[in-house]
C-alpha atoms as a PDB file:
ATOM      1  CA  MET A   1     -27.872   4.207  32.957  1.00  0.00           C
ATOM      2  CA  GLY A   2     -25.801   1.135  32.117  1.00  0.00           C
ATOM      3  CA  SER A   3     -27.425  -2.248  32.505  1.00  0.00           C
ATOM      4  CA  LEU A   4     -26.304  -5.775  33.170  1.00  0.00           C
ATOM      5  CA  ARG A   5     -28.404  -8.911  32.974  1.00  0.00           C
ATOM      6  CA  ILE A   6     -27.097 -11.991  34.796  1.00  0.00           C
ATOM      7  CA  ALA A   7     -28.425 -15.329  33.586  1.00  0.00           C
ATOM      8  CA  HIS A   8     -27.549 -18.605  35.289  1.00  0.00           C
ATOM      9  CA  PRO A   9     -28.904 -22.157  35.413  1.00  0.00           C
ATOM     10  CA  SER A  10     -31.517 -23.132  37.980  1.00  0.00           C
ATOM     11  CA  ARG A  11     -29.333 -22.534  41.027  1.00  0.00           C
ATOM     12  CA  GLN A  12     -27.957 -19.209  42.240  1.00  0.00           C
ATOM     13  CA  PRO A  13     -24.316 -18.495  41.488  1.00  0.00           C
ATOM     14  CA  THR A  14     -22.047 -19.082  44.443  1.00  0.00           C
ATOM     15  CA  LEU A  15     -18.418 -18.301  45.048  1.00  0.00           C
ATOM     16  CA  LEU A  16     -17.137 -21.829  44.356  1.00  0.00           C
ATOM     17  CA  GLY A  17     -19.618 -22.465  41.556  1.00  0.00           C
ATOM     18  CA  LEU A  18     -18.671 -19.362  39.557  1.00  0.00           C
ATOM     19  CA  SER A  19     -17.759 -20.432  36.043  1.00  0.00           C
ATOM     20  CA  PHE A  20     -17.990 -16.881  35.170  1.00  0.00           C
ATOM     21  CA  LEU A  21     -21.756 -16.851  34.915  1.00  0.00           C
ATOM     22  CA  HIS A  22     -23.744 -16.462  31.706  1.00  0.00           C
ATOM     23  CA  LEU A  23     -23.137 -12.831  30.992  1.00  0.00           C
ATOM     24  CA  PHE A  24     -25.028 -10.203  29.042  1.00  0.00           C
ATOM     25  CA  ASN A  25     -28.544 -11.413  28.312  1.00  0.00           C
ATOM     26  CA  GLY A  26     -27.360 -14.989  28.090  1.00  0.00           C
ATOM     27  CA  GLU A  27     -25.796 -14.332  24.679  1.00  0.00           C
ATOM     28  CA  THR A  28     -22.233 -15.226  25.670  1.00  0.00           C
ATOM     29  CA  LEU A  29     -21.178 -18.174  27.816  1.00  0.00           C
ATOM     30  CA  MET A  30     -17.855 -18.043  29.614  1.00  0.00           C
ATOM     31  CA  THR A  31     -17.026 -21.683  29.125  1.00  0.00           C
ATOM     32  CA  ARG A  32     -13.885 -21.953  31.248  1.00  0.00           C
ATOM     33  CA  SER A  33     -13.728 -21.810  35.021  1.00  0.00           C
ATOM     34  CA  PHE A  34     -12.540 -18.423  36.141  1.00  0.00           C
ATOM     35  CA  PHE A  35     -10.687 -19.935  39.051  1.00  0.00           C
ATOM     36  CA  SER A  36      -8.825 -22.360  36.797  1.00  0.00           C
ATOM     37  CA  MET A  37      -7.054 -19.337  35.312  1.00  0.00           C
ATOM     38  CA  VAL A  38      -6.449 -17.005  38.223  1.00  0.00           C
ATOM     39  CA  GLY A  39      -6.420 -19.491  41.102  1.00  0.00           C
ATOM     40  CA  ILE A  40      -8.773 -19.797  44.046  1.00  0.00           C
ATOM     41  CA  ALA A  41      -7.076 -17.072  46.065  1.00  0.00           C
ATOM     42  CA  GLY A  42      -7.023 -14.610  43.192  1.00  0.00           C
ATOM     43  CA  GLY A  43     -10.652 -15.360  42.372  1.00  0.00           C
ATOM     44  CA  ILE A  44     -11.781 -14.835  45.959  1.00  0.00           C
ATOM     45  CA  ALA A  45      -9.921 -11.527  46.152  1.00  0.00           C
ATOM     46  CA  LEU A  46     -11.370 -10.246  42.856  1.00  0.00           C
ATOM     47  CA  VAL A  47     -14.931 -11.310  43.611  1.00  0.00           C
ATOM     48  CA  THR A  48     -14.716  -9.794  47.117  1.00  0.00           C
ATOM     49  CA  ALA A  49     -13.400  -6.529  45.675  1.00  0.00           C
ATOM     50  CA  LEU A  50     -16.209  -6.350  43.148  1.00  0.00           C
ATOM     51  CA  LYS A  51     -18.810  -7.044  45.819  1.00  0.00           C
ATOM     52  CA  ILE A  52     -17.372  -4.398  48.131  1.00  0.00           C
ATOM     53  CA  GLY A  53     -17.231  -2.000  45.198  1.00  0.00           C
ATOM     54  CA  GLY A  54     -21.001  -2.065  44.987  1.00  0.00           C
ATOM     55  CA  LEU A  55     -21.609  -4.209  41.923  1.00  0.00           C
ATOM     56  CA  GLY A  56     -23.200  -6.871  44.118  1.00  0.00           C
ATOM     57  CA  PHE A  57     -23.532  -9.485  41.395  1.00  0.00           C
ATOM     58  CA  VAL A  58     -22.440 -12.558  43.378  1.00  0.00           C
ATOM     59  CA  ASN A  59     -25.744 -13.027  45.145  1.00  0.00           C
ATOM     60  CA  GLN A  60     -28.011 -11.820  42.366  1.00  0.00           C
ATOM     61  CA  THR A  61     -31.024 -13.935  41.534  1.00  0.00           C
ATOM     62  CA  PRO A  62     -31.002 -15.322  37.991  1.00  0.00           C
ATOM     63  CA  GLU A  63     -32.552 -13.075  35.342  1.00  0.00           C
ATOM     64  CA  ILE A  64     -32.566 -10.012  37.639  1.00  0.00           C
ATOM     65  CA  LEU A  65     -31.711  -6.807  35.834  1.00  0.00           C
ATOM     66  CA  VAL A  66     -29.149  -4.798  37.793  1.00  0.00           C
ATOM     67  CA  GLN A  67     -28.974  -1.080  37.057  1.00  0.00           C
ATOM     68  CA  ARG A  68     -25.841   0.930  37.747  1.00  0.00           C
ATOM     69  CA  GLU A  69     -24.561   4.364  36.853  1.00  0.00           C
ATOM     70  CA  THR A  70     -21.977   4.680  34.123  1.00  0.00           C
ATOM     71  CA  SER A  71     -19.880   7.763  33.607  1.00  0.00           C
ATOM     72  CA  SER A  72     -17.686   6.834  30.656  1.00  0.00           C
ATOM     73  CA  ASP A  73     -17.822   5.347  27.183  1.00  0.00           C
ATOM     74  CA  GLN A  74     -15.851   2.286  28.257  1.00  0.00           C
ATOM     75  CA  PRO A  75     -17.411  -1.161  28.641  1.00  0.00           C
ATOM     76  CA  ASN A  76     -18.470  -2.057  32.189  1.00  0.00           C
ATOM     77  CA  VAL A  77     -16.225  -3.933  34.628  1.00  0.00           C
ATOM     78  CA  LEU A  78     -17.571  -7.349  33.731  1.00  0.00           C
ATOM     79  CA  ALA A  79     -16.956  -6.752  30.048  1.00  0.00           C
ATOM     80  CA  GLN A  80     -13.405  -5.714  30.869  1.00  0.00           C
ATOM     81  CA  MET A  81     -12.989  -8.869  32.964  1.00  0.00           C
ATOM     82  CA  GLY A  82     -14.148 -10.919  29.986  1.00  0.00           C
ATOM     83  CA  GLY A  83     -11.468  -9.288  27.856  1.00  0.00           C
ATOM     84  CA  MET A  84      -8.893  -9.759  30.614  1.00  0.00           C
ATOM     85  CA  GLY A  85      -9.780 -13.400  31.008  1.00  0.00           C
ATOM     86  CA  GLY A  86      -9.430 -13.924  27.261  1.00  0.00           C
ATOM     87  CA  GLY A  87      -5.939 -12.491  27.434  1.00  0.00           C
ATOM     88  CA  MET A  88      -4.941 -14.471  30.522  1.00  0.00           C
ATOM     89  CA  GLY A  89      -6.354 -17.708  29.279  1.00  0.00           C
ATOM     90  CA  GLY A  90      -4.755 -17.535  25.879  1.00  0.00           C
ATOM     91  CA  GLY A  91      -8.109 -17.446  24.060  1.00  0.00           C
ATOM     92  CA  ASP A  92      -9.927 -19.961  26.314  1.00  0.00           C
ATOM     93  CA  MET A  93     -12.674 -17.507  27.230  1.00  0.00           C
ATOM     94  CA  ILE A  94     -15.019 -16.087  24.638  1.00  0.00           C
ATOM     95  CA  TYR A  95     -16.661 -12.676  24.858  1.00  0.00           C
ATOM     96  CA  SER A  96     -18.822 -11.074  22.239  1.00  0.00           C
ATOM     97  CA  ALA A  97     -19.959  -7.493  22.676  1.00  0.00           C
ATOM     98  CA  THR A  98     -23.424  -6.520  21.506  1.00  0.00           C
ATOM     99  CA  SER A  99     -25.086  -3.149  21.178  1.00  0.00           C
ATOM    100  CA  ALA A 100     -27.126  -3.911  24.287  1.00  0.00           C
ATOM    101  CA  ASN A 101     -24.007  -4.137  26.443  1.00  0.00           C
ATOM    102  CA  TRP A 102     -21.850  -1.315  25.157  1.00  0.00           C
ATOM    103  CA  PRO A 103     -22.618   2.435  25.426  1.00  0.00           C
ATOM    104  CA  ALA A 104     -23.242   4.183  22.122  1.00  0.00           C
ATOM    105  CA  PRO A 105     -19.927   5.443  20.657  1.00  0.00           C
ATOM    106  CA  LYS A 106     -19.395   9.171  20.456  1.00  0.00           C
ATOM    107  CA  LEU A 107     -17.629  11.219  17.823  1.00  0.00           C
ATOM    108  CA  LEU A 108     -14.132  12.485  18.547  1.00  0.00           C
ATOM    109  CA  VAL A 109     -14.061  15.889  20.191  1.00  0.00           C
ATOM    110  CA  PRO A 110     -12.925  18.318  17.458  1.00  0.00           C
ATOM    111  CA  TYR A 111     -10.019  20.649  18.068  1.00  0.00           C
ATOM    112  CA  GLU A 112      -8.203  23.055  15.798  1.00  0.00           C
ATOM    113  CA  TRP A 113      -4.851  22.237  14.231  1.00  0.00           C
ATOM    114  CA  SER A 114      -2.316  25.032  13.969  1.00  0.00           C
ATOM    115  CA  LYS A 115      -0.332  25.234  10.740  1.00  0.00           C
ATOM    116  CA  ALA A 116       3.421  25.690  10.818  1.00  0.00           C
ATOM    117  CA  ASN A 117       4.581  29.068   9.562  1.00  0.00           C
ATOM    118  CA  VAL A 118       6.581  27.631   6.681  1.00  0.00           C
ATOM    119  CA  GLU A 119       6.280  27.328   2.915  1.00  0.00           C
ATOM    120  CA  VAL A 120       3.592  25.038   1.546  1.00  0.00           C
ATOM    121  CA  PRO A 121       5.092  21.519   1.265  1.00  0.00           C
ATOM    122  CA  GLY A 122       5.777  20.256  -2.224  1.00  0.00           C
ATOM    123  CA  TRP A 123       3.293  17.385  -2.011  1.00  0.00           C
ATOM    124  CA  LEU A 124       0.537  19.906  -1.283  1.00  0.00           C
ATOM    125  CA  ASP A 125       1.633  22.494  -3.818  1.00  0.00           C
ATOM    126  CA  GLY A 126       1.590  20.034  -6.722  1.00  0.00           C
ATOM    127  CA  ALA A 127       3.012  22.593  -9.137  1.00  0.00           C
ATOM    128  CA  ALA A 128       5.519  20.081 -10.503  1.00  0.00           C
ATOM    129  CA  ASP A 129       2.733  17.659 -11.440  1.00  0.00           C
ATOM    130  CA  ALA A 130       0.198  20.203 -12.614  1.00  0.00           C
ATOM    131  CA  GLU A 131       1.244  20.200 -16.272  1.00  0.00           C
ATOM    132  CA  ALA A 132       1.456  16.406 -16.478  1.00  0.00           C
ATOM    133  CA  ASN A 133      -1.921  16.038 -14.786  1.00  0.00           C
ATOM    134  CA  GLU A 134      -3.500  18.479 -17.213  1.00  0.00           C
ATOM    135  CA  ARG A 135      -2.054  16.636 -20.230  1.00  0.00           C
ATOM    136  CA  GLU A 136      -3.396  13.327 -18.945  1.00  0.00           C
ATOM    137  CA  ALA A 137      -6.786  14.928 -18.296  1.00  0.00           C
ATOM    138  CA  ASP A 138      -6.704  16.209 -21.891  1.00  0.00           C
ATOM    139  CA  ILE A 139      -6.104  12.652 -23.147  1.00  0.00           C
ATOM    140  CA  ARG A 140      -9.207  11.475 -21.284  1.00  0.00           C
ATOM    141  CA  ARG A 141     -11.236  14.296 -22.775  1.00  0.00           C
ATOM    142  CA  ARG A 142     -10.046  13.442 -26.295  1.00  0.00           C
ATOM    143  CA  LEU A 143     -11.097   9.816 -25.772  1.00  0.00           C
ATOM    144  CA  ASP A 144     -14.657  11.122 -25.439  1.00  0.00           C
ATOM    145  CA  LYS A 145     -14.523  12.529 -28.964  1.00  0.00           C
ATOM    146  CA  ARG A 146     -17.048  10.934 -31.347  1.00  0.00           C
ATOM    147  CA  ILE A 147     -15.438   9.626 -34.517  1.00  0.00           C
ATOM    148  CA  ASP A 148     -16.195   7.542 -37.611  1.00  0.00           C
ATOM    149  CA  LEU A 149     -13.954   4.556 -38.154  1.00  0.00           C
ATOM    150  CA  SER A 150     -14.030   1.949 -40.897  1.00  0.00           C
ATOM    151  CA  LEU A 151     -11.211  -0.556 -40.627  1.00  0.00           C
ATOM    152  CA  GLY A 152     -11.385  -4.084 -41.986  1.00  0.00           C
ATOM    153  CA  LYS A 153      -8.827  -6.602 -40.826  1.00  0.00           C
ATOM    154  CA  THR A 154      -5.906  -4.458 -39.832  1.00  0.00           C
ATOM    155  CA  PRO A 155      -2.975  -5.008 -37.451  1.00  0.00           C
ATOM    156  CA  LEU A 156      -3.558  -3.883 -33.893  1.00  0.00           C
ATOM    157  CA  ARG A 157      -0.574  -1.542 -34.243  1.00  0.00           C
ATOM    158  CA  SER A 158      -2.146   0.137 -37.300  1.00  0.00           C
ATOM    159  CA  PHE A 159      -5.501   0.443 -35.510  1.00  0.00           C
ATOM    160  CA  PHE A 160      -3.898   2.457 -32.713  1.00  0.00           C
ATOM    161  CA  GLN A 161      -1.792   4.503 -35.128  1.00  0.00           C
ATOM    162  CA  THR A 162      -5.029   5.548 -36.852  1.00  0.00           C
ATOM    163  CA  LEU A 163      -6.553   6.538 -33.498  1.00  0.00           C
ATOM    164  CA  SER A 164      -3.410   8.420 -32.502  1.00  0.00           C
ATOM    165  CA  ASP A 165      -3.587  10.488 -35.679  1.00  0.00           C
ATOM    166  CA  GLU A 166      -7.349  11.054 -35.326  1.00  0.00           C
ATOM    167  CA  LEU A 167      -7.265  12.094 -31.657  1.00  0.00           C
ATOM    168  CA  GLY A 168      -3.867  13.784 -31.560  1.00  0.00           C
ATOM    169  CA  ILE A 169      -2.598  11.774 -28.588  1.00  0.00           C
ATOM    170  CA  ALA A 170       0.402   9.545 -27.933  1.00  0.00           C
ATOM    171  CA  ILE A 171      -0.471   5.828 -27.783  1.00  0.00           C
ATOM    172  CA  LEU A 172       2.066   3.269 -26.570  1.00  0.00           C
ATOM    173  CA  ILE A 173       1.761  -0.520 -26.827  1.00  0.00           C
ATOM    174  CA  ASP A 174       3.054  -2.611 -23.929  1.00  0.00           C
ATOM    175  CA  GLU A 175       4.383  -5.508 -25.983  1.00  0.00           C
ATOM    176  CA  LYS A 176       5.292  -7.537 -22.894  1.00  0.00           C
ATOM    177  CA  GLY A 177       1.717  -7.149 -21.626  1.00  0.00           C
ATOM    178  CA  LEU A 178       0.400  -8.350 -25.005  1.00  0.00           C
ATOM    179  CA  GLU A 179       2.827 -11.264 -24.985  1.00  0.00           C
ATOM    180  CA  ASP A 180       1.410 -12.420 -21.644  1.00  0.00           C
ATOM    181  CA  GLU A 181      -1.932 -12.805 -23.444  1.00  0.00           C
ATOM    182  CA  THR A 182      -0.260 -14.519 -26.454  1.00  0.00           C
ATOM    183  CA  ILE A 183      -1.040 -11.506 -28.623  1.00  0.00           C
ATOM    184  CA  THR A 184       1.275  -9.496 -30.882  1.00  0.00           C
ATOM    185  CA  PRO A 185       0.884  -5.941 -32.236  1.00  0.00           C
ATOM    186  CA  GLU A 186       0.514  -7.480 -35.686  1.00  0.00           C
ATOM    187  CA  ASP A 187      -2.592  -9.522 -34.837  1.00  0.00           C
ATOM    188  CA  PRO A 188      -5.591  -8.364 -36.919  1.00  0.00           C
ATOM    189  CA  VAL A 189      -8.586  -6.499 -35.487  1.00  0.00           C
ATOM    190  CA  MET A 190     -11.682  -4.932 -37.025  1.00  0.00           C
ATOM    191  CA  ALA A 191     -13.496  -1.695 -36.184  1.00  0.00           C
ATOM    192  CA  VAL A 192     -16.408  -0.280 -38.159  1.00  0.00           C
ATOM    193  CA  ARG A 193     -18.302   2.381 -36.204  1.00  0.00           C
ATOM    194  CA  THR A 194     -19.901   5.746 -36.869  1.00  0.00           C
ATOM    195  CA  ASP A 195     -20.408   8.657 -34.483  1.00  0.00           C
ATOM    196  CA  THR A 196     -19.033   6.658 -31.538  1.00  0.00           C
ATOM    197  CA  ARG A 197     -16.811   7.738 -28.672  1.00  0.00           C
ATOM    198  CA  ALA A 198     -13.224   6.705 -29.262  1.00  0.00           C
ATOM    199  CA  ARG A 199     -12.966   5.110 -25.788  1.00  0.00           C
ATOM    200  CA  ASP A 200     -15.955   2.868 -26.593  1.00  0.00           C
ATOM    201  CA  ILE A 201     -14.422   1.738 -29.881  1.00  0.00           C
ATOM    202  CA  ILE A 202     -11.172   0.918 -28.111  1.00  0.00           C
ATOM    203  CA  ARG A 203     -12.976  -1.048 -25.400  1.00  0.00           C
ATOM    204  CA  GLN A 204     -14.942  -3.088 -27.946  1.00  0.00           C
ATOM    205  CA  VAL A 205     -11.767  -3.985 -29.830  1.00  0.00           C
ATOM    206  CA  LEU A 206      -9.678  -4.849 -26.756  1.00  0.00           C
ATOM    207  CA  GLU A 207     -12.208  -6.644 -24.559  1.00  0.00           C
ATOM    208  CA  PRO A 208     -12.147  -9.956 -26.500  1.00  0.00           C
ATOM    209  CA  LEU A 209      -8.331  -9.905 -26.274  1.00  0.00           C
ATOM    210  CA  ASN A 210      -8.343  -9.360 -22.483  1.00  0.00           C
ATOM    211  CA  LEU A 211      -6.545  -6.074 -23.073  1.00  0.00           C
ATOM    212  CA  THR A 212      -7.252  -2.583 -21.788  1.00  0.00           C
ATOM    213  CA  THR A 213      -5.757   0.902 -21.719  1.00  0.00           C
ATOM    214  CA  VAL A 214      -4.466   3.186 -18.988  1.00  0.00           C
ATOM    215  CA  VAL A 215      -3.496   6.844 -19.136  1.00  0.00           C
ATOM    216  CA  LYS A 216       0.037   6.952 -17.796  1.00  0.00           C
ATOM    217  CA  GLY A 217       3.102   9.116 -18.350  1.00  0.00           C
ATOM    218  CA  GLU A 218       1.163  11.556 -20.547  1.00  0.00           C
ATOM    219  CA  ALA A 219       0.232   8.785 -22.988  1.00  0.00           C
ATOM    220  CA  LEU A 220      -2.426   6.147 -23.541  1.00  0.00           C
ATOM    221  CA  VAL A 221      -0.825   2.776 -22.818  1.00  0.00           C
ATOM    222  CA  VAL A 222      -2.257  -0.458 -24.255  1.00  0.00           C
ATOM    223  CA  THR A 223      -1.635  -3.412 -21.940  1.00  0.00           C
ATOM    224  CA  ASN A 224      -3.309  -6.451 -20.420  1.00  0.00           C
ATOM    225  CA  LYS A 225      -5.758  -6.158 -17.540  1.00  0.00           C
ATOM    226  CA  LYS A 226      -3.325  -7.670 -15.060  1.00  0.00           C
ATOM    227  CA  ASN A 227      -0.791  -4.925 -15.730  1.00  0.00           C
ATOM    228  CA  SER A 228      -3.277  -2.058 -15.728  1.00  0.00           C
ATOM    229  CA  ALA A 229      -2.231  -0.530 -12.419  1.00  0.00           C
ATOM    230  CA  ASN A 230      -4.829   0.920 -10.096  1.00  0.00           C
ATOM    231  CA  ILE A 231      -5.033   4.678  -9.814  1.00  0.00           C
ATOM    232  CA  ILE A 232      -6.687   6.864  -7.181  1.00  0.00           C
ATOM    233  CA  ARG A 233      -9.475   9.293  -7.967  1.00  0.00           C
ATOM    234  CA  TYR A 234     -11.611  11.465  -5.726  1.00  0.00           C
ATOM    235  CA  TYR A 235     -15.364  12.004  -6.089  1.00  0.00           C
ATOM    236  CA  ASP A 236     -17.038  14.648  -3.912  1.00  0.00           C
ATOM    237  CA  LEU A 237     -20.508  13.190  -3.413  1.00  0.00           C
ATOM    238  CA  SER A 238     -21.874  16.484  -2.078  1.00  0.00           C
ATOM    239  CA  PHE A 239     -22.349  17.413  -5.747  1.00  0.00           C
ATOM    240  CA  ILE A 240     -24.795  14.563  -6.341  1.00  0.00           C
ATOM    241  CA  LEU A 241     -26.256  13.485  -2.977  1.00  0.00           C
ATOM    242  CA  PRO A 242     -28.249  15.573  -0.470  1.00  0.00           C
ATOM    243  CA  ASN A 243     -26.502  14.054   2.557  1.00  0.00           C
ATOM    244  CA  ASN A 244     -24.567  10.994   3.741  1.00  0.00           C
ATOM    245  CA  THR A 245     -27.538   8.738   4.544  1.00  0.00           C
ATOM    246  CA  VAL A 246     -27.292   6.666   1.351  1.00  0.00           C
ATOM    247  CA  THR A 247     -23.516   6.357   1.005  1.00  0.00           C
ATOM    248  CA  ASN A 248     -23.590   2.732   2.190  1.00  0.00           C
ATOM    249  CA  ASP A 249     -26.268   1.946  -0.406  1.00  0.00           C
ATOM    250  CA  LEU A 250     -24.191   3.715  -3.058  1.00  0.00           C
ATOM    251  CA  ILE A 251     -21.016   1.790  -2.223  1.00  0.00           C
ATOM    252  CA  HIS A 252     -22.951  -1.494  -2.250  1.00  0.00           C
ATOM    253  CA  ALA A 253     -24.369  -0.641  -5.688  1.00  0.00           C
ATOM    254  CA  ILE A 254     -20.912   0.243  -7.025  1.00  0.00           C
ATOM    255  CA  GLU A 255     -19.367  -3.035  -5.847  1.00  0.00           C
ATOM    256  CA  THR A 256     -22.331  -4.976  -7.264  1.00  0.00           C
ATOM    257  CA  LEU A 257     -22.693  -3.258 -10.635  1.00  0.00           C
ATOM    258  CA  ILE A 258     -19.365  -1.669 -11.634  1.00  0.00           C
ATOM    259  CA  THR A 259     -16.802  -4.324 -12.675  1.00  0.00           C
ATOM    260  CA  PRO A 260     -17.839  -6.442  -9.646  1.00  0.00           C
ATOM    261  CA  GLU A 261     -14.995  -8.949 -10.004  1.00  0.00           C
ATOM    262  CA  THR A 262     -12.351  -6.253  -9.457  1.00  0.00           C
ATOM    263  CA  TRP A 263     -13.251  -5.269  -5.879  1.00  0.00           C
ATOM    264  CA  VAL A 264     -11.408  -6.620  -2.843  1.00  0.00           C
ATOM    265  CA  ASN A 265     -14.564  -8.273  -1.487  1.00  0.00           C
ATOM    266  CA  SER A 266     -14.667 -10.382  -4.660  1.00  0.00           C
ATOM    267  CA  GLY A 267     -10.964 -11.225  -4.695  1.00  0.00           C
ATOM    268  CA  GLY A 268      -9.817  -8.247  -6.766  1.00  0.00           C
ATOM    269  CA  THR A 269      -7.620  -5.277  -5.865  1.00  0.00           C
ATOM    270  CA  SER A 270      -9.985  -2.288  -6.163  1.00  0.00           C
ATOM    271  CA  MET A 271     -10.946  -0.459  -2.966  1.00  0.00           C
ATOM    272  CA  MET A 272     -12.934   2.601  -1.918  1.00  0.00           C
ATOM    273  CA  SER A 273     -13.364   4.601   1.261  1.00  0.00           C
ATOM    274  CA  MET A 274     -15.259   7.680   2.441  1.00  0.00           C
ATOM    275  CA  VAL A 275     -13.487  10.756   3.842  1.00  0.00           C
ATOM    276  CA  GLY A 276     -16.220  13.190   4.776  1.00  0.00           C
ATOM    277  CA  SER A 277     -18.236  13.690   1.595  1.00  0.00           C
ATOM    278  CA  VAL A 278     -15.379  12.496  -0.643  1.00  0.00           C
ATOM    279  CA  LEU A 279     -15.404   8.979  -2.077  1.00  0.00           C
ATOM    280  CA  VAL A 280     -11.789   7.881  -2.584  1.00  0.00           C
ATOM    281  CA  VAL A 281     -11.478   5.073  -5.135  1.00  0.00           C
ATOM    282  CA  HIS A 282      -8.395   2.967  -5.859  1.00  0.00           C
ATOM    283  CA  ALA A 283      -9.142   1.095  -9.087  1.00  0.00           C
ATOM    284  CA  ASN A 284      -7.978   0.697 -12.666  1.00  0.00           C
ATOM    285  CA  GLU A 285      -8.771   3.116 -15.463  1.00  0.00           C
ATOM    286  CA  GLU A 286     -11.671   1.099 -16.860  1.00  0.00           C
ATOM    287  CA  THR A 287     -13.396   0.840 -13.485  1.00  0.00           C
ATOM    288  CA  GLN A 288     -12.874   4.546 -12.825  1.00  0.00           C
ATOM    289  CA  GLU A 289     -14.448   5.472 -16.154  1.00  0.00           C
ATOM    290  CA  GLU A 290     -17.482   3.242 -15.567  1.00  0.00           C
ATOM    291  CA  LEU A 291     -17.811   4.619 -12.045  1.00  0.00           C
ATOM    292  CA  ALA A 292     -17.760   8.212 -13.288  1.00  0.00           C
ATOM    293  CA  THR A 293     -20.527   7.383 -15.768  1.00  0.00           C
ATOM    294  CA  PHE A 294     -22.555   5.714 -13.007  1.00  0.00           C
ATOM    295  CA  LEU A 295     -22.211   8.723 -10.693  1.00  0.00           C
ATOM    296  CA  ARG A 296     -23.240  11.093 -13.472  1.00  0.00           C
ATOM    297  CA  GLU A 297     -26.445   9.109 -13.924  1.00  0.00           C
ATOM    298  CA  ILE A 298     -27.102   9.177 -10.179  1.00  0.00           C
ATOM    299  CA  SER A 299     -26.699  12.966 -10.262  1.00  0.00           C
ATOM    300  CA  LYS A 300     -29.606  13.187 -12.710  1.00  0.00           C
ATOM    301  CA  GLN A 301     -32.062  11.564 -10.305  1.00  0.00           C
ATOM    302  CA  ASP A 302     -34.534  13.438  -8.102  1.00  0.00           C
ATOM    303  CA  PRO A 303     -32.701  14.063  -4.780  1.00  0.00           C
ATOM    304  CA  THR A 304     -35.924  13.509  -2.828  1.00  0.00           C
ATOM    305  CA  ASN A 305     -35.877   9.889  -4.030  1.00  0.00           C
ATOM    306  CA  LEU A 306     -32.326   9.291  -2.863  1.00  0.00           C
ATOM    307  CA  ARG A 307     -33.250   8.126   0.603  1.00  0.00           C
ATOM    308  CA  PRO A 308     -31.890   5.209   2.623  1.00  0.00           C
ATOM    309  CA  ARG A 309     -33.589   1.855   2.278  1.00  0.00           C
ATOM    310  CA  ARG A 310     -36.100   0.938   4.962  1.00  0.00           C
ATOM    311  CA  PHE A 311     -36.437  -2.533   6.407  1.00  0.00           C
ATOM    312  CA  GLU A 312     -39.323  -4.039   8.289  1.00  0.00           C
ATOM    313  CA  GLU A 313     -38.642  -4.243  12.019  1.00  0.00           C
END
């Protein structure tokens, strides 16, 4: 059953006094005269048609709840008229839908897609990129290697040459990116650490300089944070969450705790979206690495405790 509540000031609505009522539980006021937009004749014709059609709202007593059958997921006629009036009046009329006025949305009806009987498209095959992707994945794995490093004041270039030799990876310095931060490859840095992941040593050296790294073109590129382009990664949350009930909580926690200044809601460029159980994240390398660490920690928690937050009614 659909429902419509008509609220009006102390007098009953009449044909000439219709300023298109106070619709939907009194929450939205149509502030412009309906007849001023469609004309007296048009208004009379429309109201008469609605009355004949069985809606019978013209003579309703204020605050009377009128029940009518609804057979579709579309808003009722009065809601559609509100939208139509907004279009005809160039934004003069205001309508705000609420959950009390609109039927609950339904999921799309699923139907099968038929695949064309042709070769797998290149973008899906990915064979051409497979080797490059594996080499870049190997660079990320090598950055997790724990190393000892004892370097006093040494040029930034020499620091990365030492790491390149230790880890067996190619490291490139974006000199233009450094120049934007008024830094040169010859500026001195210090790094004295034992049994520490290489990526953590790099981050501690580069953070004060507003520099970062990104794995790109089968190499580790040193650049500034502005030039560290976003990359897309995919995280299937079915491996760490029992169901989808806490995904909103998870996304809120990520935007609050993981490089919060980089997300679109805070003026940055990082974004994320859910596709089924897969969290698709468009962010820079540093954010992706912190996010992966965060999700690993979530995976260690008791699944029975990963329930949606409850609020007092």
